């Protein structure tokens, strides 16, 4: 007679834990493009996405993979240039820069590594802008190289987001000379 009570309590406990985990997971993986608070070190990227109104596209289409430069990466690139792009009336250059960091589909780190294995250590991904990024390994790091020869390392992989997958990178990659 005690077994059904214990079983019922155990099921209730597991259901409660599952519900709590789902709620916690939803809160911790909010779309950083919408609220900007989930990934505090991407404030510049979030401001740029909102300034170009890419947030509506990212929210309604997808999934996407975003190679997200940290705020420190944007500042190393040029805080003056980023400020100029953000404050410009013509947002086409800023939009070009941002879309160069976005690839259609969900490219998790394991999918990137699988593509590199199939490609003899290298893989090429086309950004939504239409330009190619080349991925290769340097030690244990996945490194992206743009057509200008600039490189960016994925420092934090597989950050889940409502829009797809986000990989934090340590540098800004460029579609053209800026």
N, C-alpha and C. Protein backbone atom coordinates (compact mmCIF):
# COMPACT_ATOMS: atom_id res chain seq x y z
N UNK A 1 0.81 -1.19 0.00
CA UNK A 1 0.00 0.00 0.00
C UNK A 1 0.86 1.25 0.00
N UNK A 2 2.03 1.20 0.63
CA UNK A 2 2.91 2.35 0.68
C UNK A 2 3.59 2.60 -0.65
N UNK A 3 3.79 1.58 -1.45
CA UNK A 3 4.47 1.73 -2.73
C UNK A 3 3.76 2.69 -3.66
N UNK A 4 2.44 2.64 -3.85
CA UNK A 4 1.78 3.61 -4.72
C UNK A 4 1.94 5.05 -4.23
N UNK A 5 1.94 5.26 -2.93
CA UNK A 5 2.11 6.62 -2.39
C UNK A 5 3.51 7.12 -2.70
N UNK A 6 4.52 6.29 -2.48
CA UNK A 6 5.91 6.67 -2.75
C UNK A 6 6.08 6.93 -4.25
N UNK A 7 5.50 6.05 -5.06
CA UNK A 7 5.59 6.21 -6.51
C UNK A 7 4.91 7.51 -6.96
N UNK A 8 3.75 7.80 -6.39
CA UNK A 8 3.03 9.04 -6.71
C UNK A 8 3.85 10.26 -6.31
N UNK A 9 4.43 10.22 -5.11
CA UNK A 9 5.26 11.35 -4.66
C UNK A 9 6.51 11.51 -5.54
N UNK A 10 7.12 10.39 -5.92
CA UNK A 10 8.30 10.45 -6.78
C UNK A 10 7.94 11.04 -8.15
N UNK A 11 6.81 10.62 -8.72
CA UNK A 11 6.37 11.17 -10.01
C UNK A 11 6.07 12.65 -9.90
N UNK A 12 5.43 13.06 -8.81
CA UNK A 12 5.12 14.48 -8.62
C UNK A 12 6.42 15.29 -8.48
N UNK A 13 7.38 14.74 -7.75
CA UNK A 13 8.67 15.41 -7.59
C UNK A 13 9.38 15.56 -8.93
N UNK A 14 9.41 14.49 -9.73
CA UNK A 14 10.07 14.53 -11.04
C UNK A 14 9.35 15.50 -11.99
N UNK A 15 8.02 15.52 -11.95
CA UNK A 15 7.27 16.45 -12.79
C UNK A 15 7.56 17.89 -12.38
N UNK A 16 7.62 18.15 -11.08
CA UNK A 16 7.92 19.50 -10.60
C UNK A 16 9.33 19.92 -11.02
N UNK A 17 10.30 19.02 -10.85
CA UNK A 17 11.68 19.31 -11.27
C UNK A 17 11.77 19.58 -12.76
N UNK A 18 11.06 18.79 -13.55
CA UNK A 18 11.07 18.98 -15.00
C UNK A 18 10.49 20.33 -15.38
N UNK A 19 9.37 20.69 -14.76
CA UNK A 19 8.73 21.98 -15.04
C UNK A 19 9.64 23.13 -14.62
N UNK A 20 10.26 23.02 -13.45
CA UNK A 20 11.17 24.05 -12.96
C UNK A 20 12.36 24.19 -13.90
N UNK A 21 12.90 23.08 -14.37
CA UNK A 21 14.05 23.13 -15.29
C UNK A 21 13.66 23.78 -16.61
N UNK A 22 12.45 23.48 -17.11
CA UNK A 22 12.01 24.08 -18.37
C UNK A 22 11.85 25.59 -18.22
N UNK A 23 11.25 26.03 -17.12
CA UNK A 23 11.08 27.46 -16.89
C UNK A 23 12.43 28.13 -16.75
N UNK A 24 13.33 27.53 -15.98
CA UNK A 24 14.66 28.09 -15.80
C UNK A 24 15.42 28.15 -17.11
N UNK A 25 15.30 27.10 -17.93
CA UNK A 25 15.97 27.05 -19.22
C UNK A 25 15.43 28.14 -20.15
N UNK A 26 14.11 28.35 -20.13
CA UNK A 26 13.52 29.40 -20.97
C UNK A 26 14.01 30.76 -20.53
N UNK A 27 14.13 30.99 -19.24
CA UNK A 27 14.59 32.28 -18.75
C UNK A 27 16.06 32.50 -19.08
N UNK A 28 16.89 31.47 -18.96
CA UNK A 28 18.32 31.66 -19.17
C UNK A 28 18.69 31.72 -20.64
N UNK A 29 17.82 31.28 -21.53
CA UNK A 29 18.16 31.29 -22.96
C UNK A 29 17.24 32.21 -23.75
N UNK A 30 16.85 33.32 -23.15
CA UNK A 30 16.04 34.27 -23.90
C UNK A 30 16.85 34.79 -25.07
N UNK A 31 16.16 35.21 -26.08
CA UNK A 31 16.78 35.74 -27.28
C UNK A 31 17.55 37.01 -26.93
N UNK A 32 18.87 36.96 -26.99
CA UNK A 32 19.66 38.12 -26.59
C UNK A 32 19.46 39.29 -27.53
N UNK A 33 19.02 39.04 -28.74
CA UNK A 33 18.77 40.14 -29.67
C UNK A 33 17.57 40.95 -29.19
N UNK A 34 16.59 40.30 -28.58
CA UNK A 34 15.39 41.01 -28.11
C UNK A 34 15.65 41.76 -26.82
N UNK A 35 16.27 41.10 -25.84
CA UNK A 35 16.34 41.77 -24.55
C UNK A 35 17.73 42.25 -24.17
N UNK A 36 18.76 41.77 -24.79
CA UNK A 36 20.10 42.27 -24.55
C UNK A 36 20.65 41.97 -23.17
N UNK A 37 19.89 41.30 -22.32
CA UNK A 37 20.37 41.09 -20.96
C UNK A 37 20.93 39.70 -20.75
N UNK A 38 20.62 38.77 -21.62
CA UNK A 38 21.09 37.41 -21.44
C UNK A 38 22.60 37.32 -21.59
N UNK A 39 23.14 37.99 -22.57
CA UNK A 39 24.58 37.97 -22.79
C UNK A 39 25.10 39.39 -22.61
N UNK A 40 25.47 39.71 -21.38
CA UNK A 40 25.85 41.08 -21.04
C UNK A 40 27.05 41.59 -21.83
N UNK A 41 27.89 40.72 -22.34
CA UNK A 41 29.06 41.19 -23.07
C UNK A 41 28.80 41.33 -24.58
N UNK A 42 27.51 41.47 -24.95
CA UNK A 42 27.14 41.69 -26.35
C UNK A 42 26.23 42.91 -26.50
N UNK A 43 26.46 43.91 -25.69
CA UNK A 43 25.62 45.12 -25.73
C UNK A 43 25.79 45.88 -27.04
N UNK A 44 27.02 45.95 -27.55
CA UNK A 44 27.26 46.67 -28.81
C UNK A 44 26.57 45.93 -29.96
N UNK A 45 26.70 44.62 -29.99
CA UNK A 45 26.05 43.83 -31.04
C UNK A 45 24.53 44.01 -30.96
N UNK A 46 23.99 43.95 -29.77
CA UNK A 46 22.55 44.13 -29.60
C UNK A 46 22.11 45.50 -30.09
N UNK A 47 22.85 46.55 -29.76
CA UNK A 47 22.51 47.91 -30.21
C UNK A 47 22.58 48.00 -31.72
N UNK A 48 23.58 47.35 -32.32
CA UNK A 48 23.73 47.38 -33.78
C UNK A 48 22.59 46.65 -34.47
N UNK A 49 22.19 45.51 -33.92
CA UNK A 49 21.08 44.74 -34.50
C UNK A 49 19.79 45.57 -34.44
N UNK A 50 19.56 46.23 -33.33
CA UNK A 50 18.35 47.06 -33.21
C UNK A 50 18.42 48.28 -34.13
N UNK A 51 19.60 48.89 -34.26
CA UNK A 51 19.75 50.07 -35.12
C UNK A 51 19.47 49.75 -36.58
N UNK A 52 19.81 48.54 -37.01
CA UNK A 52 19.60 48.14 -38.40
C UNK A 52 18.25 47.45 -38.60
N UNK A 53 17.52 47.27 -37.52
CA UNK A 53 16.22 46.59 -37.53
C UNK A 53 16.32 45.14 -37.98
N UNK A 54 17.49 44.55 -37.81
CA UNK A 54 17.66 43.12 -38.10
C UNK A 54 16.96 42.25 -37.05
N UNK A 55 16.64 42.84 -35.90
CA UNK A 55 15.99 42.05 -34.86
C UNK A 55 14.67 41.47 -35.33
N UNK A 56 13.92 42.22 -36.15
CA UNK A 56 12.65 41.71 -36.68
C UNK A 56 12.88 40.53 -37.61
N UNK A 57 13.88 40.63 -38.47
CA UNK A 57 14.20 39.53 -39.38
C UNK A 57 14.64 38.30 -38.61
N UNK A 58 15.54 38.49 -37.66
CA UNK A 58 16.04 37.36 -36.88
C UNK A 58 14.95 36.71 -36.05
N UNK A 59 14.02 37.52 -35.58
CA UNK A 59 12.94 37.00 -34.75
C UNK A 59 11.91 36.22 -35.56
N UNK A 60 11.70 36.61 -36.81
CA UNK A 60 10.64 36.01 -37.61
C UNK A 60 11.11 34.97 -38.62
N UNK A 61 12.38 34.89 -38.88
CA UNK A 61 12.91 33.92 -39.84
C UNK A 61 13.94 33.05 -39.11
N UNK A 62 14.48 32.12 -39.81
CA UNK A 62 15.54 31.35 -39.17
C UNK A 62 15.24 29.88 -39.17
N UNK A 63 16.00 29.13 -38.49
CA UNK A 63 16.99 29.50 -37.49
C UNK A 63 18.29 30.02 -38.13
N UNK A 64 19.06 30.72 -37.30
CA UNK A 64 20.33 31.28 -37.74
C UNK A 64 21.44 30.88 -36.78
N UNK A 65 22.66 30.99 -37.27
CA UNK A 65 23.84 30.90 -36.42
C UNK A 65 24.48 32.27 -36.44
N UNK A 66 24.72 32.81 -35.26
CA UNK A 66 25.35 34.12 -35.17
C UNK A 66 26.73 33.94 -34.54
N UNK A 67 27.74 34.42 -35.25
CA UNK A 67 29.10 34.50 -34.71
C UNK A 67 29.17 35.89 -34.08
N UNK A 68 28.98 35.95 -32.77
CA UNK A 68 28.76 37.19 -32.05
C UNK A 68 30.05 37.75 -31.45
N UNK A 69 30.56 38.83 -32.02
CA UNK A 69 31.72 39.47 -31.40
C UNK A 69 31.34 40.02 -30.02
N UNK A 70 32.21 39.83 -29.07
CA UNK A 70 31.98 40.39 -27.74
C UNK A 70 32.16 41.90 -27.81
N UNK A 71 31.73 42.59 -26.77
CA UNK A 71 31.95 44.04 -26.72
C UNK A 71 33.44 44.36 -26.79
N UNK A 72 34.26 43.55 -26.15
CA UNK A 72 35.71 43.77 -26.19
C UNK A 72 36.23 43.63 -27.62
N UNK A 73 35.67 42.68 -28.39
CA UNK A 73 36.09 42.51 -29.79
C UNK A 73 35.73 43.74 -30.61
N UNK A 74 34.53 44.29 -30.41
CA UNK A 74 34.14 45.51 -31.12
C UNK A 74 35.04 46.67 -30.75
N UNK A 75 35.40 46.78 -29.47
CA UNK A 75 36.27 47.87 -29.03
C UNK A 75 37.68 47.73 -29.60
N UNK A 76 38.19 46.49 -29.68
CA UNK A 76 39.51 46.28 -30.31
C UNK A 76 39.46 46.60 -31.79
N UNK A 77 38.33 46.29 -32.44
CA UNK A 77 38.17 46.60 -33.86
C UNK A 77 38.29 48.10 -34.05
N UNK A 78 37.45 48.85 -33.38
CA UNK A 78 37.51 50.31 -33.39
C UNK A 78 36.23 50.84 -32.77
N UNK A 79 36.34 51.30 -31.56
CA UNK A 79 35.14 51.84 -30.91
C UNK A 79 34.65 53.09 -31.63
N UNK A 80 35.57 53.85 -32.24
CA UNK A 80 35.16 55.03 -33.01
C UNK A 80 34.39 54.63 -34.26
N UNK A 81 34.86 53.61 -34.96
CA UNK A 81 34.20 53.15 -36.18
C UNK A 81 32.81 52.60 -35.86
N UNK A 82 32.70 51.82 -34.80
CA UNK A 82 31.41 51.26 -34.41
C UNK A 82 30.45 52.38 -34.04
N UNK A 83 30.93 53.35 -33.29
CA UNK A 83 30.10 54.49 -32.93
C UNK A 83 29.64 55.25 -34.18
N UNK A 84 30.57 55.43 -35.12
CA UNK A 84 30.23 56.09 -36.39
C UNK A 84 29.16 55.31 -37.14
N UNK A 85 29.30 53.99 -37.22
CA UNK A 85 28.33 53.16 -37.92
C UNK A 85 26.96 53.19 -37.23
N UNK A 86 26.97 53.15 -35.89
CA UNK A 86 25.72 53.17 -35.14
C UNK A 86 24.98 54.49 -35.29
N UNK A 87 25.73 55.58 -35.37
CA UNK A 87 25.11 56.91 -35.42
C UNK A 87 24.85 57.42 -36.83
N UNK A 88 25.30 56.70 -37.84
CA UNK A 88 25.11 57.11 -39.22
C UNK A 88 23.63 56.98 -39.61
N UNK A 89 23.17 57.91 -40.45
CA UNK A 89 21.79 57.80 -40.95
C UNK A 89 21.66 56.63 -41.91
N UNK A 90 22.69 56.39 -42.70
CA UNK A 90 22.70 55.26 -43.63
C UNK A 90 23.28 54.05 -42.90
N UNK A 91 22.45 53.09 -42.62
CA UNK A 91 22.86 51.90 -41.85
C UNK A 91 23.34 50.76 -42.73
N UNK A 92 23.54 51.00 -44.04
CA UNK A 92 23.91 49.90 -44.94
C UNK A 92 25.26 49.29 -44.60
N UNK A 93 26.24 50.10 -44.22
CA UNK A 93 27.56 49.55 -43.86
C UNK A 93 27.46 48.73 -42.57
N UNK A 94 26.71 49.21 -41.61
CA UNK A 94 26.52 48.48 -40.36
C UNK A 94 25.77 47.17 -40.61
N UNK A 95 24.75 47.23 -41.46
CA UNK A 95 23.99 46.02 -41.80
C UNK A 95 24.88 45.01 -42.51
N UNK A 96 25.75 45.50 -43.39
CA UNK A 96 26.68 44.62 -44.10
C UNK A 96 27.62 43.93 -43.11
N UNK A 97 28.11 44.69 -42.14
CA UNK A 97 28.99 44.13 -41.13
C UNK A 97 28.27 43.07 -40.31
N UNK A 98 27.05 43.35 -39.90
CA UNK A 98 26.30 42.40 -39.08
C UNK A 98 25.93 41.13 -39.84
N UNK A 99 25.45 41.29 -41.07
CA UNK A 99 25.02 40.10 -41.82
C UNK A 99 26.21 39.22 -42.19
N UNK A 100 27.40 39.75 -42.08
CA UNK A 100 28.59 38.94 -42.31
C UNK A 100 28.87 38.00 -41.14
N UNK A 101 28.22 38.24 -40.02
CA UNK A 101 28.38 37.40 -38.83
C UNK A 101 27.24 36.40 -38.66
N UNK A 102 26.34 36.31 -39.67
CA UNK A 102 25.16 35.46 -39.56
C UNK A 102 25.15 34.44 -40.69
N UNK A 103 24.92 33.19 -40.33
CA UNK A 103 24.81 32.09 -41.29
C UNK A 103 23.44 31.46 -41.10
N UNK A 104 22.76 31.16 -42.19
CA UNK A 104 21.45 30.51 -42.10
C UNK A 104 21.61 29.09 -41.58
N UNK A 105 20.71 28.67 -40.73
CA UNK A 105 20.73 27.32 -40.17
C UNK A 105 21.36 27.29 -38.79
N UNK A 106 21.30 26.12 -38.18
CA UNK A 106 21.85 25.93 -36.84
C UNK A 106 23.17 25.18 -36.94
N UNK A 107 24.25 25.93 -36.89
CA UNK A 107 25.58 25.34 -36.93
C UNK A 107 26.14 25.22 -35.52
N UNK A 108 25.86 24.11 -34.89
CA UNK A 108 26.45 23.88 -33.57
C UNK A 108 27.93 23.61 -33.76
N UNK A 109 28.68 23.65 -32.67
CA UNK A 109 30.11 23.38 -32.75
C UNK A 109 30.36 21.98 -33.32
N UNK A 110 29.55 21.02 -32.95
CA UNK A 110 29.75 19.66 -33.47
C UNK A 110 29.48 19.60 -34.97
N UNK A 111 28.52 20.37 -35.46
CA UNK A 111 28.27 20.40 -36.92
C UNK A 111 29.42 21.09 -37.66
N UNK A 112 29.98 22.12 -37.06
CA UNK A 112 31.13 22.79 -37.67
C UNK A 112 32.30 21.82 -37.73
N UNK A 113 32.55 21.11 -36.63
CA UNK A 113 33.65 20.13 -36.59
C UNK A 113 33.41 18.99 -37.59
N UNK A 114 32.17 18.53 -37.71
CA UNK A 114 31.86 17.47 -38.70
C UNK A 114 32.14 17.96 -40.11
N UNK A 115 31.76 19.19 -40.41
CA UNK A 115 32.02 19.75 -41.74
C UNK A 115 33.52 19.87 -41.98
N UNK A 116 34.28 20.21 -40.95
CA UNK A 116 35.74 20.30 -41.11
C UNK A 116 36.34 18.92 -41.33
N UNK A 117 35.79 17.90 -40.68
CA UNK A 117 36.28 16.53 -40.89
C UNK A 117 36.03 16.09 -42.34
N UNK A 118 34.87 16.42 -42.87
CA UNK A 118 34.56 16.07 -44.25
C UNK A 118 35.41 16.88 -45.23
N UNK A 119 35.87 18.04 -44.80
CA UNK A 119 36.63 18.93 -45.69
C UNK A 119 38.12 18.91 -45.42
N UNK A 120 38.64 17.80 -44.90
CA UNK A 120 40.07 17.67 -44.62
C UNK A 120 40.60 18.79 -43.73
N UNK A 121 39.86 19.10 -42.68
CA UNK A 121 40.31 20.08 -41.70
C UNK A 121 39.80 21.49 -41.93
N UNK A 122 39.07 21.71 -43.02
CA UNK A 122 38.55 23.04 -43.30
C UNK A 122 37.09 22.94 -43.72
N UNK A 123 36.34 23.98 -43.42
CA UNK A 123 34.95 24.05 -43.85
C UNK A 123 34.65 25.50 -44.21
N UNK A 124 33.79 25.65 -45.19
CA UNK A 124 33.40 26.97 -45.66
C UNK A 124 31.91 27.16 -45.40
N UNK A 125 31.56 28.33 -44.88
CA UNK A 125 30.17 28.65 -44.60
C UNK A 125 29.83 29.98 -45.25
N UNK A 126 28.67 30.03 -45.87
CA UNK A 126 28.23 31.24 -46.55
C UNK A 126 27.36 32.06 -45.60
N UNK A 127 27.73 33.30 -45.42
CA UNK A 127 26.96 34.19 -44.56
C UNK A 127 25.69 34.62 -45.29
N UNK A 128 24.74 35.20 -44.55
CA UNK A 128 23.53 35.67 -45.20
C UNK A 128 23.82 36.82 -46.15
N UNK A 129 24.97 37.41 -46.03
CA UNK A 129 25.40 38.45 -46.95
C UNK A 129 25.90 37.87 -48.26
N UNK A 130 26.23 36.58 -48.25
CA UNK A 130 26.69 35.92 -49.46
C UNK A 130 28.20 35.71 -49.53
N UNK A 131 28.92 36.15 -48.53
CA UNK A 131 30.37 35.97 -48.49
C UNK A 131 30.70 34.69 -47.73
N UNK A 132 31.91 34.19 -47.92
CA UNK A 132 32.33 32.94 -47.31
C UNK A 132 33.20 33.19 -46.07
N UNK A 133 33.01 32.34 -45.08
CA UNK A 133 33.88 32.25 -43.92
C UNK A 133 34.53 30.88 -43.95
N UNK A 134 35.81 30.82 -43.71
CA UNK A 134 36.52 29.55 -43.68
C UNK A 134 36.79 29.19 -42.23
N UNK A 135 36.45 27.98 -41.84
CA UNK A 135 36.68 27.50 -40.48
C UNK A 135 37.77 26.44 -40.50
N UNK A 136 38.66 26.50 -39.51
CA UNK A 136 39.69 25.48 -39.33
C UNK A 136 40.03 25.39 -37.85
N UNK A 137 40.75 24.36 -37.48
CA UNK A 137 41.16 24.19 -36.09
C UNK A 137 42.56 24.75 -35.89
N UNK A 138 42.75 25.40 -34.77
CA UNK A 138 44.07 25.82 -34.31
C UNK A 138 44.18 25.29 -32.90
N UNK A 139 44.85 24.17 -32.73
CA UNK A 139 44.83 23.48 -31.44
C UNK A 139 43.44 22.94 -31.22
N UNK A 140 42.82 23.38 -30.14
CA UNK A 140 41.46 22.95 -29.83
C UNK A 140 40.42 24.01 -30.22
N UNK A 141 40.86 25.12 -30.76
CA UNK A 141 39.97 26.23 -31.08
C UNK A 141 39.49 26.17 -32.52
N UNK A 142 38.22 26.51 -32.71
CA UNK A 142 37.69 26.71 -34.06
C UNK A 142 37.97 28.16 -34.42
N UNK A 143 38.65 28.35 -35.55
CA UNK A 143 39.03 29.69 -35.99
C UNK A 143 38.33 29.97 -37.31
N UNK A 144 37.75 31.16 -37.41
CA UNK A 144 37.11 31.62 -38.64
C UNK A 144 38.03 32.62 -39.32
N UNK A 145 38.12 32.52 -40.64
CA UNK A 145 38.92 33.46 -41.42
C UNK A 145 38.04 34.08 -42.48
N UNK A 146 38.10 35.42 -42.57
CA UNK A 146 37.31 36.13 -43.57
C UNK A 146 38.16 36.34 -44.83
N UNK A 147 37.56 36.80 -45.93
CA UNK A 147 38.31 37.00 -47.18
C UNK A 147 39.44 38.02 -47.07
N UNK A 148 39.39 38.88 -46.06
CA UNK A 148 40.44 39.88 -45.85
C UNK A 148 41.62 39.29 -45.08
N UNK A 149 41.48 38.04 -44.62
CA UNK A 149 42.54 37.40 -43.85
C UNK A 149 42.43 37.59 -42.35
N UNK A 150 41.40 38.30 -41.90
CA UNK A 150 41.18 38.48 -40.46
C UNK A 150 40.68 37.17 -39.86
N UNK A 151 41.07 36.91 -38.63
CA UNK A 151 40.63 35.68 -37.97
C UNK A 151 39.89 36.00 -36.68
N UNK A 152 39.03 35.08 -36.29
CA UNK A 152 38.28 35.18 -35.03
C UNK A 152 38.17 33.78 -34.46
N UNK A 153 38.43 33.66 -33.19
CA UNK A 153 38.30 32.38 -32.49
C UNK A 153 36.94 32.31 -31.81
N UNK A 154 36.35 31.13 -31.87
CA UNK A 154 35.12 30.91 -31.10
C UNK A 154 35.56 30.69 -29.66
N UNK A 155 35.15 31.62 -28.79
CA UNK A 155 35.55 31.55 -27.38
C UNK A 155 34.50 30.85 -26.52
N UNK A 156 33.25 30.98 -26.91
CA UNK A 156 32.16 30.29 -26.22
C UNK A 156 31.22 29.77 -27.30
N UNK A 157 31.04 28.46 -27.33
CA UNK A 157 30.25 27.84 -28.39
C UNK A 157 28.87 27.44 -27.88
N UNK A 158 27.95 27.33 -28.84
CA UNK A 158 26.63 26.75 -28.63
C UNK A 158 25.80 27.43 -27.55
N UNK A 159 25.79 28.75 -27.57
CA UNK A 159 24.87 29.48 -26.72
C UNK A 159 23.51 29.42 -27.40
N UNK A 160 22.55 28.83 -26.73
CA UNK A 160 21.22 28.69 -27.32
C UNK A 160 20.48 30.01 -27.29
N UNK A 161 19.70 30.23 -28.29
CA UNK A 161 18.90 31.44 -28.40
C UNK A 161 17.62 31.09 -29.12
N UNK A 162 16.63 31.93 -28.96
CA UNK A 162 15.36 31.74 -29.65
C UNK A 162 15.55 31.72 -31.16
N UNK A 163 16.56 32.43 -31.65
CA UNK A 163 16.79 32.54 -33.09
C UNK A 163 17.68 31.44 -33.64
N UNK A 164 18.31 30.64 -32.80
CA UNK A 164 19.20 29.58 -33.28
C UNK A 164 20.37 29.38 -32.34
N UNK A 165 21.56 29.39 -32.92
CA UNK A 165 22.79 29.13 -32.16
C UNK A 165 23.66 30.39 -32.20
N UNK A 166 24.26 30.69 -31.06
CA UNK A 166 25.17 31.83 -30.97
C UNK A 166 26.52 31.30 -30.52
N UNK A 167 27.58 31.72 -31.26
CA UNK A 167 28.96 31.43 -30.87
C UNK A 167 29.63 32.76 -30.61
N UNK A 168 30.14 32.96 -29.41
CA UNK A 168 30.88 34.18 -29.13
C UNK A 168 32.25 34.09 -29.77
N UNK A 169 32.66 35.16 -30.44
CA UNK A 169 33.98 35.21 -31.07
C UNK A 169 34.77 36.38 -30.51
N UNK A 170 36.09 36.28 -30.61
CA UNK A 170 36.97 37.27 -29.99
C UNK A 170 37.39 38.42 -30.88
N UNK A 171 36.93 38.42 -32.14
CA UNK A 171 37.28 39.48 -33.08
C UNK A 171 36.11 39.75 -34.01
N UNK A 172 36.13 40.93 -34.61
CA UNK A 172 35.12 41.27 -35.62
C UNK A 172 35.66 40.79 -36.96
N UNK A 173 34.83 40.07 -37.71
CA UNK A 173 35.23 39.63 -39.05
C UNK A 173 34.60 40.58 -40.05
N UNK A 174 35.29 40.81 -41.16
CA UNK A 174 34.89 41.88 -42.08
C UNK A 174 34.61 41.38 -43.48
N UNK A 175 33.53 41.88 -44.09
CA UNK A 175 33.24 41.51 -45.46
C UNK A 175 34.15 42.23 -46.46
N UNK A 176 34.58 43.43 -46.11
CA UNK A 176 35.46 44.24 -46.95
C UNK A 176 36.36 45.06 -46.02
N UNK A 177 37.27 45.78 -46.58
CA UNK A 177 38.11 46.65 -45.77
C UNK A 177 37.27 47.76 -45.18
N UNK A 178 37.31 47.92 -43.88
CA UNK A 178 36.54 48.99 -43.21
C UNK A 178 37.47 49.90 -42.46
